[in-house]
Each structure stands twice: as C-alpha cells, then as structure tokens.
Amino acid sequence: MDGLLIGYARVSTEEQDLTAQQNALERLGVRSSL
C-alpha cells in the first residue's frame, strides 16, 4: 500500500537551522518538495 508522507520543519529564529529536522524527515522517507 502506497501512501503520502507529509513532514513539517520549522525554526522560530533566523539563528536556528533546519538541517537536523530535514535530515530526520528524509530518513523517515519524507521527500522535500522545495
């Protein structure tokens, strides 16, 4: 069965970095659409 995975990553300040969140989502099989 195929499904659609939707992930969400965010930061609250410009000094923060999305990299760790993006890597975790990628490991779960969530592909970036950006």
Protein backbone atom coordinates (compact mmCIF):
# COMPACT_ATOMS: atom_id res chain seq x y z
CA MET A 1 0.00 0.00 0.00
CA ASP A 2 1.43 3.36 -1.02
CA GLY A 3 0.81 6.48 0.98
CA LEU A 4 1.73 10.11 1.10
CA LEU A 5 4.04 11.30 3.87
CA ILE A 6 3.85 14.95 4.82
CA GLY A 7 6.51 16.44 7.06
CA TYR A 8 6.87 19.85 8.64
CA ALA A 9 10.06 21.51 9.84
CA ARG A 10 10.28 24.97 11.34
CA VAL A 11 12.52 27.34 13.25
CA SER A 12 11.47 30.26 15.41
CA THR A 13 14.53 32.46 14.90
CA GLU A 14 16.84 33.21 11.99
CA GLU A 15 19.78 31.88 14.02
CA GLN A 16 18.31 28.36 14.13
CA ASP A 17 18.93 25.77 11.42
CA LEU A 18 16.52 23.34 9.74
CA THR A 19 19.20 20.82 8.78
CA ALA A 20 18.68 18.32 11.63
CA GLN A 21 14.91 18.37 11.15
CA GLN A 22 15.21 17.99 7.39
CA ASN A 23 17.63 15.08 7.78
CA ALA A 24 15.27 13.33 10.21
CA LEU A 25 12.33 13.73 7.83
CA GLU A 26 14.42 12.39 4.95
CA ARG A 27 15.38 9.31 7.00
CA LEU A 28 11.66 8.70 7.55
CA GLY A 29 11.06 8.79 3.80
CA VAL A 30 9.58 12.27 3.53
CA ARG A 31 10.78 13.91 0.33
CA SER A 32 11.32 17.65 0.03
CA SER A 33 9.03 19.49 -2.35
CA LEU A 34 11.04 22.72 -2.26
